N, C-alpha and C. Protein backbone atom coordinates (compact mmCIF):
# COMPACT_ATOMS: atom_id res chain seq x y z
N MET A 1 15.77 -11.16 1.88
CA MET A 1 15.55 -9.83 1.32
C MET A 1 15.45 -8.80 2.46
N ALA A 2 16.02 -7.64 2.26
CA ALA A 2 15.98 -6.59 3.28
C ALA A 2 14.54 -6.13 3.52
N ARG A 3 14.25 -5.86 4.76
CA ARG A 3 12.90 -5.41 5.11
C ARG A 3 12.98 -4.63 6.40
N TYR A 4 12.11 -3.64 6.56
CA TYR A 4 12.09 -2.83 7.78
C TYR A 4 11.46 -3.64 8.91
N HIS A 5 12.19 -3.76 10.02
CA HIS A 5 11.71 -4.57 11.15
C HIS A 5 11.52 -3.75 12.42
N GLU A 6 11.66 -2.44 12.35
CA GLU A 6 11.49 -1.59 13.52
C GLU A 6 10.00 -1.24 13.69
N PRO A 7 9.62 -0.59 14.81
CA PRO A 7 8.21 -0.22 15.01
C PRO A 7 7.68 0.67 13.88
N VAL A 8 6.61 0.24 13.24
CA VAL A 8 6.11 0.97 12.08
C VAL A 8 5.37 2.26 12.47
N CYS A 9 4.93 2.35 13.71
CA CYS A 9 4.24 3.57 14.13
C CYS A 9 5.18 4.78 14.09
N ARG A 10 6.48 4.54 14.21
CA ARG A 10 7.46 5.62 14.09
C ARG A 10 7.43 6.21 12.68
N LEU A 11 7.16 5.37 11.69
CA LEU A 11 7.11 5.84 10.31
C LEU A 11 5.94 6.80 10.11
N CYS A 12 4.81 6.46 10.69
CA CYS A 12 3.64 7.35 10.59
C CYS A 12 3.92 8.68 11.26
N ARG A 13 4.52 8.63 12.44
CA ARG A 13 4.83 9.87 13.16
C ARG A 13 5.85 10.70 12.39
N ARG A 14 6.80 10.05 11.75
CA ARG A 14 7.81 10.78 10.99
C ARG A 14 7.19 11.52 9.81
N GLU A 15 6.19 10.91 9.18
CA GLU A 15 5.54 11.54 8.04
C GLU A 15 4.41 12.47 8.46
N GLY A 16 4.06 12.45 9.74
CA GLY A 16 3.04 13.36 10.25
C GLY A 16 1.62 13.02 9.85
N MET A 17 1.37 11.77 9.51
CA MET A 17 0.03 11.34 9.11
C MET A 17 -0.08 9.83 9.24
N LYS A 18 -1.30 9.35 9.24
CA LYS A 18 -1.54 7.92 9.32
C LYS A 18 -1.25 7.27 7.96
N LEU A 19 -0.38 6.27 7.98
CA LEU A 19 -0.08 5.51 6.77
C LEU A 19 -0.80 4.16 6.77
N PHE A 20 -1.55 3.90 7.84
CA PHE A 20 -2.35 2.67 7.98
C PHE A 20 -1.49 1.42 7.81
N LEU A 21 -0.39 1.39 8.59
CA LEU A 21 0.54 0.27 8.53
C LEU A 21 0.24 -0.81 9.57
N LYS A 22 -0.66 -0.50 10.53
CA LYS A 22 -0.94 -1.44 11.61
C LYS A 22 -2.36 -1.98 11.60
N GLY A 23 -3.05 -1.83 10.49
CA GLY A 23 -4.39 -2.37 10.40
C GLY A 23 -5.38 -1.68 11.32
N GLU A 24 -6.09 -2.47 12.13
CA GLU A 24 -7.15 -1.95 12.99
C GLU A 24 -6.64 -0.95 14.02
N ARG A 25 -5.42 -1.10 14.47
CA ARG A 25 -4.88 -0.19 15.49
C ARG A 25 -4.90 1.26 15.00
N CYS A 26 -4.77 1.46 13.69
CA CYS A 26 -4.73 2.82 13.13
C CYS A 26 -6.07 3.54 13.30
N PHE A 27 -7.14 2.81 13.51
CA PHE A 27 -8.47 3.41 13.64
C PHE A 27 -8.89 3.58 15.10
N LYS A 28 -8.00 3.23 16.03
CA LYS A 28 -8.34 3.30 17.45
C LYS A 28 -7.56 4.42 18.14
N GLU A 29 -7.93 4.67 19.40
CA GLU A 29 -7.29 5.75 20.14
C GLU A 29 -5.84 5.42 20.49
N LYS A 30 -5.43 4.16 20.36
CA LYS A 30 -4.05 3.77 20.64
C LYS A 30 -3.10 4.16 19.52
N CYS A 31 -3.62 4.65 18.42
CA CYS A 31 -2.79 5.04 17.28
C CYS A 31 -1.73 6.05 17.74
N ALA A 32 -0.48 5.82 17.39
CA ALA A 32 0.63 6.67 17.84
C ALA A 32 0.50 8.10 17.33
N VAL A 33 -0.04 8.27 16.13
CA VAL A 33 -0.21 9.62 15.57
C VAL A 33 -1.22 10.41 16.38
N GLU A 34 -2.24 9.73 16.89
CA GLU A 34 -3.25 10.40 17.72
C GLU A 34 -2.67 10.80 19.07
N ARG A 35 -1.82 9.95 19.63
CA ARG A 35 -1.28 10.19 20.96
C ARG A 35 -0.08 11.14 20.97
N ARG A 36 0.77 11.04 19.92
CA ARG A 36 1.96 11.88 19.84
C ARG A 36 2.12 12.34 18.39
N SER A 37 1.50 13.45 18.09
CA SER A 37 1.47 13.94 16.71
C SER A 37 2.69 14.77 16.36
N TYR A 38 3.86 14.26 16.70
CA TYR A 38 5.10 14.90 16.33
C TYR A 38 6.11 13.82 15.97
N ALA A 39 7.17 14.21 15.28
CA ALA A 39 8.16 13.24 14.80
C ALA A 39 8.86 12.56 15.96
N PRO A 40 9.30 11.30 15.78
CA PRO A 40 10.00 10.60 16.86
C PRO A 40 11.40 11.18 17.09
N GLY A 41 11.98 10.84 18.22
CA GLY A 41 13.32 11.31 18.54
C GLY A 41 13.31 12.52 19.46
N GLN A 42 14.46 12.85 20.02
CA GLN A 42 14.53 13.92 21.02
C GLN A 42 14.28 15.29 20.41
N HIS A 43 14.45 15.43 19.09
CA HIS A 43 14.21 16.71 18.44
C HIS A 43 12.89 16.70 17.66
N GLY A 44 12.06 15.72 17.91
CA GLY A 44 10.84 15.55 17.13
C GLY A 44 9.85 16.70 17.22
N LYS A 45 9.86 17.42 18.36
CA LYS A 45 8.88 18.49 18.54
C LYS A 45 9.26 19.79 17.84
N ARG A 46 10.50 19.83 17.35
CA ARG A 46 10.90 21.03 16.61
C ARG A 46 10.19 21.07 15.26
N ARG A 47 9.70 22.20 14.89
CA ARG A 47 8.99 22.37 13.63
C ARG A 47 9.79 23.31 12.72
N ASN A 48 10.77 22.76 12.03
CA ASN A 48 11.59 23.54 11.13
C ASN A 48 10.92 23.60 9.75
N LYS A 49 10.97 24.76 9.13
CA LYS A 49 10.40 24.91 7.80
C LYS A 49 11.27 24.16 6.80
N MET A 50 10.64 23.28 6.01
CA MET A 50 11.38 22.47 5.06
C MET A 50 11.56 23.19 3.74
N GLN A 51 12.70 22.95 3.13
CA GLN A 51 13.00 23.45 1.81
C GLN A 51 12.32 22.55 0.77
N PRO A 52 12.23 22.99 -0.50
CA PRO A 52 11.59 22.17 -1.54
C PRO A 52 12.12 20.75 -1.61
N TYR A 53 13.44 20.59 -1.50
CA TYR A 53 14.01 19.24 -1.56
C TYR A 53 13.49 18.37 -0.41
N GLY A 54 13.39 18.96 0.78
CA GLY A 54 12.88 18.22 1.93
C GLY A 54 11.45 17.76 1.72
N LEU A 55 10.62 18.63 1.14
CA LEU A 55 9.23 18.26 0.86
C LEU A 55 9.16 17.13 -0.15
N GLN A 56 10.00 17.19 -1.18
CA GLN A 56 10.02 16.15 -2.20
C GLN A 56 10.48 14.82 -1.61
N LEU A 57 11.51 14.87 -0.78
CA LEU A 57 12.03 13.66 -0.15
C LEU A 57 11.01 13.02 0.77
N ARG A 58 10.33 13.84 1.58
CA ARG A 58 9.34 13.30 2.49
C ARG A 58 8.18 12.65 1.73
N GLU A 59 7.79 13.23 0.61
CA GLU A 59 6.69 12.65 -0.18
C GLU A 59 7.10 11.29 -0.75
N LYS A 60 8.33 11.22 -1.22
CA LYS A 60 8.82 9.94 -1.75
C LYS A 60 8.89 8.88 -0.67
N GLN A 61 9.41 9.26 0.50
CA GLN A 61 9.50 8.33 1.62
C GLN A 61 8.12 7.87 2.07
N LYS A 62 7.16 8.79 2.07
CA LYS A 62 5.80 8.44 2.47
C LYS A 62 5.22 7.37 1.56
N VAL A 63 5.35 7.55 0.26
CA VAL A 63 4.79 6.59 -0.70
C VAL A 63 5.51 5.25 -0.58
N ARG A 64 6.82 5.29 -0.42
CA ARG A 64 7.58 4.05 -0.24
C ARG A 64 7.08 3.27 0.97
N ARG A 65 6.84 3.98 2.06
CA ARG A 65 6.43 3.31 3.29
C ARG A 65 5.00 2.80 3.22
N VAL A 66 4.15 3.52 2.54
CA VAL A 66 2.76 3.07 2.39
C VAL A 66 2.71 1.72 1.67
N TYR A 67 3.46 1.60 0.59
CA TYR A 67 3.42 0.38 -0.22
C TYR A 67 4.47 -0.65 0.19
N GLY A 68 5.32 -0.33 1.14
CA GLY A 68 6.32 -1.28 1.62
C GLY A 68 7.37 -1.62 0.58
N VAL A 69 7.84 -0.60 -0.14
CA VAL A 69 8.81 -0.81 -1.22
C VAL A 69 10.17 -0.22 -0.81
N LEU A 70 11.23 -0.94 -1.08
CA LEU A 70 12.57 -0.46 -0.78
C LEU A 70 13.02 0.55 -1.85
N GLU A 71 14.09 1.29 -1.53
CA GLU A 71 14.53 2.38 -2.40
C GLU A 71 14.90 1.91 -3.81
N LYS A 72 15.67 0.85 -3.92
CA LYS A 72 16.09 0.36 -5.24
C LYS A 72 14.90 -0.07 -6.07
N GLN A 73 13.97 -0.74 -5.43
CA GLN A 73 12.76 -1.20 -6.13
C GLN A 73 11.89 -0.01 -6.54
N PHE A 74 11.83 0.99 -5.68
CA PHE A 74 11.03 2.18 -5.99
C PHE A 74 11.60 2.91 -7.19
N ARG A 75 12.92 2.97 -7.28
CA ARG A 75 13.56 3.61 -8.44
C ARG A 75 13.23 2.87 -9.73
N ARG A 76 13.16 1.56 -9.65
CA ARG A 76 12.79 0.78 -10.84
C ARG A 76 11.35 1.08 -11.26
N TYR A 77 10.47 1.21 -10.28
CA TYR A 77 9.09 1.57 -10.60
C TYR A 77 9.03 2.93 -11.28
N PHE A 78 9.81 3.88 -10.76
CA PHE A 78 9.79 5.22 -11.36
C PHE A 78 10.34 5.19 -12.78
N ALA A 79 11.41 4.43 -13.02
CA ALA A 79 11.98 4.33 -14.36
C ALA A 79 10.97 3.72 -15.32
N GLU A 80 10.25 2.70 -14.88
CA GLU A 80 9.22 2.09 -15.72
C GLU A 80 8.08 3.08 -15.99
N ALA A 81 7.68 3.85 -14.97
CA ALA A 81 6.61 4.83 -15.14
C ALA A 81 7.03 5.92 -16.12
N ALA A 82 8.30 6.31 -16.09
CA ALA A 82 8.79 7.34 -16.99
C ALA A 82 8.83 6.87 -18.44
N ARG A 83 9.04 5.55 -18.63
CA ARG A 83 9.09 5.00 -19.99
C ARG A 83 7.71 4.90 -20.62
N GLN A 84 6.68 4.74 -19.79
CA GLN A 84 5.33 4.55 -20.30
C GLN A 84 4.73 5.87 -20.80
N LYS A 85 3.74 5.75 -21.65
CA LYS A 85 3.04 6.93 -22.15
C LYS A 85 2.16 7.50 -21.04
N GLY A 86 1.90 8.79 -21.10
CA GLY A 86 1.04 9.42 -20.11
C GLY A 86 1.83 10.18 -19.06
N VAL A 87 1.14 10.52 -17.98
CA VAL A 87 1.73 11.29 -16.89
C VAL A 87 2.55 10.36 -16.00
N THR A 88 3.81 10.70 -15.79
CA THR A 88 4.71 9.82 -15.04
C THR A 88 4.21 9.55 -13.62
N GLY A 89 3.73 10.58 -12.94
CA GLY A 89 3.25 10.40 -11.57
C GLY A 89 2.06 9.45 -11.50
N ASP A 90 1.12 9.60 -12.44
CA ASP A 90 -0.04 8.70 -12.47
C ASP A 90 0.39 7.27 -12.79
N ASN A 91 1.34 7.13 -13.71
CA ASN A 91 1.85 5.80 -14.06
C ASN A 91 2.49 5.12 -12.86
N LEU A 92 3.24 5.91 -12.08
CA LEU A 92 3.92 5.36 -10.90
C LEU A 92 2.92 4.82 -9.89
N LEU A 93 1.89 5.61 -9.59
CA LEU A 93 0.88 5.16 -8.62
C LEU A 93 0.11 3.96 -9.14
N ARG A 94 -0.14 3.92 -10.45
CA ARG A 94 -0.85 2.78 -11.01
C ARG A 94 -0.04 1.49 -10.87
N LEU A 95 1.26 1.56 -11.13
CA LEU A 95 2.11 0.39 -10.97
C LEU A 95 2.12 -0.11 -9.53
N LEU A 96 2.17 0.82 -8.59
CA LEU A 96 2.17 0.44 -7.18
C LEU A 96 0.83 -0.15 -6.75
N GLU A 97 -0.26 0.41 -7.25
CA GLU A 97 -1.58 -0.09 -6.91
C GLU A 97 -1.83 -1.49 -7.46
N LEU A 98 -1.21 -1.81 -8.59
CA LEU A 98 -1.43 -3.11 -9.23
C LEU A 98 -0.50 -4.20 -8.71
N ARG A 99 0.31 -3.89 -7.69
CA ARG A 99 1.07 -4.94 -7.02
C ARG A 99 0.10 -5.95 -6.40
N LEU A 100 0.46 -7.22 -6.41
CA LEU A 100 -0.44 -8.24 -5.90
C LEU A 100 -0.74 -8.04 -4.42
N ASP A 101 0.27 -7.68 -3.62
CA ASP A 101 0.00 -7.50 -2.19
C ASP A 101 -0.96 -6.34 -1.94
N ASN A 102 -0.88 -5.29 -2.75
CA ASN A 102 -1.80 -4.17 -2.60
C ASN A 102 -3.22 -4.56 -3.02
N VAL A 103 -3.35 -5.37 -4.07
CA VAL A 103 -4.66 -5.82 -4.51
C VAL A 103 -5.31 -6.70 -3.44
N VAL A 104 -4.52 -7.58 -2.83
CA VAL A 104 -5.03 -8.43 -1.74
C VAL A 104 -5.53 -7.57 -0.59
N TYR A 105 -4.78 -6.53 -0.25
CA TYR A 105 -5.19 -5.60 0.82
C TYR A 105 -6.44 -4.83 0.41
N SER A 106 -6.48 -4.32 -0.80
CA SER A 106 -7.61 -3.50 -1.26
C SER A 106 -8.90 -4.32 -1.33
N LEU A 107 -8.78 -5.62 -1.62
CA LEU A 107 -9.97 -6.48 -1.63
C LEU A 107 -10.46 -6.78 -0.22
N GLY A 108 -9.60 -6.56 0.77
CA GLY A 108 -10.02 -6.75 2.15
C GLY A 108 -9.62 -8.07 2.76
N PHE A 109 -8.74 -8.83 2.12
CA PHE A 109 -8.31 -10.12 2.66
C PHE A 109 -7.26 -9.97 3.75
N ALA A 110 -6.76 -8.75 3.96
CA ALA A 110 -5.77 -8.48 5.00
C ALA A 110 -6.04 -7.11 5.59
N SER A 111 -5.66 -6.92 6.84
CA SER A 111 -5.92 -5.64 7.51
C SER A 111 -4.85 -4.59 7.22
N SER A 112 -3.74 -5.00 6.63
CA SER A 112 -2.67 -4.08 6.26
C SER A 112 -1.93 -4.65 5.07
N ARG A 113 -1.16 -3.80 4.40
CA ARG A 113 -0.37 -4.29 3.27
C ARG A 113 0.71 -5.25 3.72
N ALA A 114 1.24 -5.08 4.92
CA ALA A 114 2.25 -6.00 5.44
C ALA A 114 1.64 -7.39 5.63
N GLN A 115 0.43 -7.43 6.16
CA GLN A 115 -0.25 -8.72 6.34
C GLN A 115 -0.57 -9.35 4.98
N ALA A 116 -0.96 -8.52 4.02
CA ALA A 116 -1.23 -9.01 2.67
C ALA A 116 0.04 -9.58 2.04
N ARG A 117 1.18 -8.91 2.26
CA ARG A 117 2.45 -9.39 1.74
C ARG A 117 2.79 -10.76 2.32
N GLN A 118 2.48 -10.95 3.59
CA GLN A 118 2.75 -12.23 4.23
C GLN A 118 1.87 -13.33 3.65
N LEU A 119 0.61 -13.02 3.39
CA LEU A 119 -0.28 -14.01 2.76
C LEU A 119 0.26 -14.46 1.41
N VAL A 120 0.73 -13.48 0.64
CA VAL A 120 1.27 -13.82 -0.68
C VAL A 120 2.55 -14.62 -0.54
N ARG A 121 3.46 -14.17 0.30
CA ARG A 121 4.74 -14.85 0.49
C ARG A 121 4.57 -16.32 0.91
N HIS A 122 3.58 -16.59 1.72
CA HIS A 122 3.36 -17.94 2.22
C HIS A 122 2.54 -18.80 1.27
N GLY A 123 2.24 -18.26 0.10
CA GLY A 123 1.58 -19.07 -0.93
C GLY A 123 0.09 -19.27 -0.73
N HIS A 124 -0.59 -18.36 -0.01
CA HIS A 124 -2.02 -18.51 0.25
C HIS A 124 -2.89 -17.81 -0.79
N VAL A 125 -2.28 -17.19 -1.80
CA VAL A 125 -3.03 -16.41 -2.78
C VAL A 125 -2.93 -17.04 -4.16
N LEU A 126 -4.07 -17.11 -4.83
CA LEU A 126 -4.14 -17.65 -6.19
C LEU A 126 -4.48 -16.54 -7.17
N VAL A 127 -3.82 -16.54 -8.30
CA VAL A 127 -4.13 -15.61 -9.39
C VAL A 127 -4.55 -16.44 -10.59
N ASP A 128 -5.80 -16.32 -10.98
CA ASP A 128 -6.36 -17.13 -12.06
C ASP A 128 -6.16 -18.61 -11.79
N GLY A 129 -6.32 -18.99 -10.51
CA GLY A 129 -6.24 -20.40 -10.13
C GLY A 129 -4.85 -20.92 -9.87
N ARG A 130 -3.81 -20.11 -10.08
CA ARG A 130 -2.44 -20.55 -9.87
C ARG A 130 -1.82 -19.81 -8.70
N ARG A 131 -1.03 -20.53 -7.91
CA ARG A 131 -0.39 -19.92 -6.76
C ARG A 131 0.69 -18.93 -7.21
N VAL A 132 0.66 -17.74 -6.64
CA VAL A 132 1.68 -16.73 -6.89
C VAL A 132 2.18 -16.26 -5.53
N ASP A 133 3.48 -16.38 -5.31
CA ASP A 133 4.05 -16.01 -4.01
C ASP A 133 5.02 -14.83 -4.12
N VAL A 134 4.82 -13.98 -5.13
CA VAL A 134 5.66 -12.79 -5.33
C VAL A 134 4.80 -11.55 -5.08
N PRO A 135 5.02 -10.84 -3.98
CA PRO A 135 4.17 -9.67 -3.66
C PRO A 135 4.16 -8.59 -4.73
N SER A 136 5.27 -8.45 -5.47
CA SER A 136 5.36 -7.39 -6.48
C SER A 136 4.75 -7.80 -7.83
N PHE A 137 4.20 -8.99 -7.91
CA PHE A 137 3.58 -9.45 -9.16
C PHE A 137 2.55 -8.42 -9.65
N GLN A 138 2.65 -8.04 -10.92
CA GLN A 138 1.75 -7.04 -11.47
C GLN A 138 0.45 -7.69 -11.98
N VAL A 139 -0.64 -7.37 -11.31
CA VAL A 139 -1.95 -7.89 -11.69
C VAL A 139 -2.49 -7.06 -12.85
N ARG A 140 -3.16 -7.71 -13.78
CA ARG A 140 -3.69 -7.03 -14.96
C ARG A 140 -5.22 -7.13 -14.97
N PRO A 141 -5.88 -6.20 -15.66
CA PRO A 141 -7.34 -6.26 -15.77
C PRO A 141 -7.81 -7.61 -16.32
N GLY A 142 -8.86 -8.14 -15.71
CA GLY A 142 -9.39 -9.44 -16.11
C GLY A 142 -8.91 -10.58 -15.24
N MET A 143 -7.86 -10.37 -14.47
CA MET A 143 -7.33 -11.42 -13.60
C MET A 143 -8.19 -11.57 -12.35
N GLU A 144 -8.27 -12.81 -11.86
CA GLU A 144 -9.01 -13.10 -10.63
C GLU A 144 -8.02 -13.43 -9.52
N VAL A 145 -8.23 -12.81 -8.37
CA VAL A 145 -7.37 -13.03 -7.19
C VAL A 145 -8.22 -13.68 -6.11
N ALA A 146 -7.76 -14.81 -5.59
CA ALA A 146 -8.54 -15.54 -4.59
C ALA A 146 -7.62 -16.09 -3.51
N LEU A 147 -8.22 -16.42 -2.37
CA LEU A 147 -7.49 -17.07 -1.28
C LEU A 147 -7.68 -18.57 -1.37
N LYS A 148 -6.66 -19.30 -0.93
CA LYS A 148 -6.77 -20.75 -0.87
C LYS A 148 -7.85 -21.15 0.13
N GLU A 149 -8.41 -22.32 -0.10
CA GLU A 149 -9.50 -22.82 0.75
C GLU A 149 -9.11 -22.85 2.22
N ALA A 150 -7.87 -23.24 2.52
CA ALA A 150 -7.42 -23.40 3.90
C ALA A 150 -7.42 -22.09 4.67
N MET A 151 -7.31 -20.95 3.96
CA MET A 151 -7.22 -19.66 4.64
C MET A 151 -8.57 -18.98 4.81
N ARG A 152 -9.61 -19.51 4.23
CA ARG A 152 -10.89 -18.82 4.24
C ARG A 152 -11.57 -18.83 5.62
N SER A 153 -11.12 -19.68 6.51
CA SER A 153 -11.68 -19.70 7.86
C SER A 153 -10.72 -19.07 8.87
N ASN A 154 -9.61 -18.55 8.39
CA ASN A 154 -8.64 -17.92 9.28
C ASN A 154 -9.27 -16.69 9.94
N VAL A 155 -9.11 -16.58 11.25
CA VAL A 155 -9.78 -15.52 12.00
C VAL A 155 -9.31 -14.14 11.57
N PHE A 156 -8.03 -13.99 11.24
CA PHE A 156 -7.52 -12.68 10.83
C PHE A 156 -8.08 -12.28 9.46
N VAL A 157 -8.21 -13.24 8.58
CA VAL A 157 -8.77 -12.96 7.26
C VAL A 157 -10.24 -12.59 7.36
N VAL A 158 -10.99 -13.33 8.17
CA VAL A 158 -12.43 -13.06 8.34
C VAL A 158 -12.65 -11.68 8.94
N GLU A 159 -11.88 -11.33 9.97
CA GLU A 159 -12.01 -10.01 10.59
C GLU A 159 -11.65 -8.90 9.62
N ALA A 160 -10.58 -9.10 8.85
CA ALA A 160 -10.16 -8.10 7.88
C ALA A 160 -11.21 -7.89 6.81
N LEU A 161 -11.83 -8.97 6.37
CA LEU A 161 -12.85 -8.88 5.32
C LEU A 161 -14.10 -8.17 5.82
N ASP A 162 -14.47 -8.41 7.07
CA ASP A 162 -15.62 -7.72 7.65
C ASP A 162 -15.36 -6.21 7.71
N THR A 163 -14.16 -5.84 8.11
CA THR A 163 -13.81 -4.43 8.20
C THR A 163 -13.77 -3.78 6.82
N ALA A 164 -13.23 -4.50 5.85
CA ALA A 164 -13.08 -3.96 4.50
C ALA A 164 -14.43 -3.70 3.85
N GLN A 165 -15.40 -4.56 4.12
CA GLN A 165 -16.72 -4.37 3.53
C GLN A 165 -17.36 -3.08 4.05
N GLY A 166 -16.98 -2.68 5.27
CA GLY A 166 -17.49 -1.43 5.81
C GLY A 166 -16.86 -0.22 5.15
N ARG A 167 -15.57 -0.29 4.82
CA ARG A 167 -14.90 0.86 4.22
C ARG A 167 -15.06 0.90 2.71
N GLY A 168 -15.45 -0.25 2.11
CA GLY A 168 -15.69 -0.28 0.67
C GLY A 168 -14.47 -0.73 -0.11
N VAL A 169 -14.73 -1.23 -1.32
CA VAL A 169 -13.68 -1.71 -2.21
C VAL A 169 -13.53 -0.71 -3.35
N PRO A 170 -12.30 -0.41 -3.79
CA PRO A 170 -12.11 0.53 -4.91
C PRO A 170 -12.92 0.15 -6.13
N ALA A 171 -13.28 1.16 -6.92
CA ALA A 171 -14.16 0.95 -8.07
C ALA A 171 -13.54 0.06 -9.14
N TRP A 172 -12.22 -0.02 -9.17
CA TRP A 172 -11.56 -0.82 -10.22
C TRP A 172 -11.45 -2.29 -9.84
N LEU A 173 -11.96 -2.64 -8.66
CA LEU A 173 -11.97 -4.03 -8.21
C LEU A 173 -13.40 -4.51 -7.95
N GLU A 174 -13.61 -5.79 -8.10
CA GLU A 174 -14.91 -6.40 -7.80
C GLU A 174 -14.69 -7.52 -6.79
N LEU A 175 -15.42 -7.49 -5.68
CA LEU A 175 -15.22 -8.44 -4.59
C LEU A 175 -16.38 -9.41 -4.49
N ASP A 176 -16.06 -10.69 -4.40
CA ASP A 176 -17.02 -11.74 -4.07
C ASP A 176 -16.64 -12.23 -2.67
N ALA A 177 -17.24 -11.60 -1.66
CA ALA A 177 -16.85 -11.88 -0.28
C ALA A 177 -17.12 -13.33 0.12
N GLU A 178 -18.23 -13.89 -0.33
CA GLU A 178 -18.56 -15.26 0.04
C GLU A 178 -17.59 -16.26 -0.57
N GLY A 179 -17.10 -15.96 -1.75
CA GLY A 179 -16.17 -16.85 -2.41
C GLY A 179 -14.71 -16.53 -2.13
N PHE A 180 -14.47 -15.49 -1.32
CA PHE A 180 -13.11 -15.06 -0.99
C PHE A 180 -12.29 -14.87 -2.27
N ARG A 181 -12.87 -14.17 -3.22
CA ARG A 181 -12.17 -13.89 -4.47
C ARG A 181 -12.56 -12.51 -4.97
N GLY A 182 -11.74 -11.97 -5.81
CA GLY A 182 -12.03 -10.68 -6.40
C GLY A 182 -11.49 -10.63 -7.81
N LYS A 183 -11.94 -9.66 -8.57
CA LYS A 183 -11.53 -9.53 -9.96
C LYS A 183 -11.07 -8.10 -10.23
N VAL A 184 -10.02 -7.97 -11.02
CA VAL A 184 -9.54 -6.65 -11.43
C VAL A 184 -10.31 -6.24 -12.67
N LEU A 185 -11.17 -5.24 -12.52
CA LEU A 185 -12.03 -4.81 -13.62
C LEU A 185 -11.29 -3.91 -14.61
N ALA A 186 -10.40 -3.07 -14.10
CA ALA A 186 -9.69 -2.12 -14.95
C ALA A 186 -8.46 -1.63 -14.20
N GLU A 187 -7.60 -0.93 -14.89
CA GLU A 187 -6.47 -0.30 -14.21
C GLU A 187 -6.97 0.88 -13.39
N PRO A 188 -6.41 1.09 -12.21
CA PRO A 188 -6.89 2.19 -11.36
C PRO A 188 -6.59 3.55 -11.98
N LYS A 189 -7.54 4.47 -11.86
CA LYS A 189 -7.34 5.84 -12.29
C LYS A 189 -6.85 6.67 -11.10
N ARG A 190 -6.35 7.84 -11.40
CA ARG A 190 -5.80 8.68 -10.31
C ARG A 190 -6.85 8.99 -9.27
N GLU A 191 -8.09 9.22 -9.67
CA GLU A 191 -9.13 9.56 -8.70
C GLU A 191 -9.54 8.38 -7.84
N ASP A 192 -9.15 7.16 -8.24
CA ASP A 192 -9.48 5.97 -7.45
C ASP A 192 -8.54 5.79 -6.26
N ILE A 193 -7.40 6.48 -6.27
CA ILE A 193 -6.41 6.33 -5.21
C ILE A 193 -6.70 7.36 -4.13
N ARG A 194 -7.12 6.89 -2.97
CA ARG A 194 -7.64 7.76 -1.92
C ARG A 194 -6.57 8.40 -1.05
N LEU A 195 -5.36 7.89 -1.11
CA LEU A 195 -4.31 8.41 -0.25
C LEU A 195 -3.93 9.83 -0.64
N PRO A 196 -3.63 10.68 0.34
CA PRO A 196 -3.21 12.06 0.05
C PRO A 196 -1.77 12.10 -0.42
N ILE A 197 -1.56 11.82 -1.70
CA ILE A 197 -0.22 11.75 -2.28
C ILE A 197 -0.05 12.86 -3.31
N GLN A 198 1.06 13.57 -3.24
CA GLN A 198 1.42 14.58 -4.23
C GLN A 198 2.54 14.00 -5.10
N GLU A 199 2.13 13.20 -6.06
CA GLU A 199 3.11 12.47 -6.87
C GLU A 199 4.01 13.38 -7.69
N GLN A 200 3.56 14.63 -7.96
CA GLN A 200 4.39 15.54 -8.74
C GLN A 200 5.69 15.88 -8.00
N LEU A 201 5.64 15.89 -6.67
CA LEU A 201 6.85 16.14 -5.88
C LEU A 201 7.88 15.04 -6.09
N ILE A 202 7.40 13.81 -6.24
CA ILE A 202 8.31 12.69 -6.48
C ILE A 202 8.95 12.80 -7.85
N VAL A 203 8.15 13.18 -8.83
CA VAL A 203 8.67 13.38 -10.19
C VAL A 203 9.74 14.47 -10.18
N GLU A 204 9.49 15.55 -9.46
CA GLU A 204 10.46 16.64 -9.38
C GLU A 204 11.74 16.18 -8.68
N LEU A 205 11.61 15.33 -7.66
CA LEU A 205 12.78 14.83 -6.93
C LEU A 205 13.70 14.03 -7.85
N TYR A 206 13.12 13.11 -8.61
CA TYR A 206 13.93 12.24 -9.47
C TYR A 206 14.34 12.94 -10.77
N SER A 207 13.82 14.14 -11.00
CA SER A 207 14.19 14.90 -12.20
C SER A 207 15.28 15.92 -11.91
N ARG A 208 15.75 15.97 -10.68
CA ARG A 208 16.75 16.97 -10.29
C ARG A 208 18.08 16.73 -11.02
């Protein structure tokens, strides 16, 4: 499957904000956005005023990069969000938040969504006691997400969980840190999503 393999710090610099793609590094002084707060490339320091289309495109790219979703897959998410009842932008973010890799990250079992995706891909994550190795699997309220016994002593998992407990777990999730498991209490609401996302710009982009 296609996947971005270039330096991810360039993505943060391109969007002009921290997307928290590198885990702990994003909170340290080595963060590329802190050191070079301009877009990558030889013309990165130019600050051209963007047109409405440019703003819409950048917002879509930002959300795609945060959740690690490719363009074709993102379009499918938007089509599904548009079919559902309610506000399309809210529906889109809810679908992305309920991805299994995002839930694993939000519970604190990984320091980044990329690391969470790897845990899922390698079969280290259980959903209601069954192994699920599809990062895009849609978790539903009432489901329990846990790590396999073999991964509970992994140094990266332990460090990530310690850090996550400091930043807190979203209100729609319940974490049992000692048991390395969590439960989805409800579908996330718009106010539960902490990222600075203007989803209406994405709706306008795909409605052109």
